[in-house]
């Protein structure tokens, strides 16, 4: 969780926190709270120095944010994302636009459509199943979005792609046989 880099200060604070439990005076509980506060403040200070999010040379690293979006694109909303990463919605929108060149909605739609295209080409799953796997509740709505995005229905895309891939494989075998 925190990179302490084997800090002497943190080890000393943990030791003092542990030893405090063996004192039997009226200040034990209050001292425990203070030792814990000191421990967390030192851990945060130390973590800030070594954190991947605080590189002064390259600026903040938003890779974890992008990885989270890629893992949860089916259901994530901008509000959920802002809560998860403790950013305001407007600031998060600005970050996403700067990183990807697209707004949040377009970026999510692009990920869903790329996944749908992959599933259409590589699986025999039904359109309903693919729409569920890409985060759409309705196969009709999914088909409409797919058609708007690619200019062709998912069914026709699959049919045309399988036709072209069989032509490509026959061309390859002809070239190899020659």
Foldseek 3Di string as FASTA:
>chain_A
DFDQVPDPVLVVLVVVLVVLVVDDDPCSVVVNVVSVVVNVVSSVVSRCVVPQQNDPVPHGDCVVLVVVCLVPLLDDDLVNSCVVVVHDSVVVQVVCCVVPVDGPVVVSLVSLLVQLLCCLQPHPDDLCVSCVVSNHPDSVVVQVSNCVVPVDGSVVSSVVVVVVVVVVVVVVVVVVVD
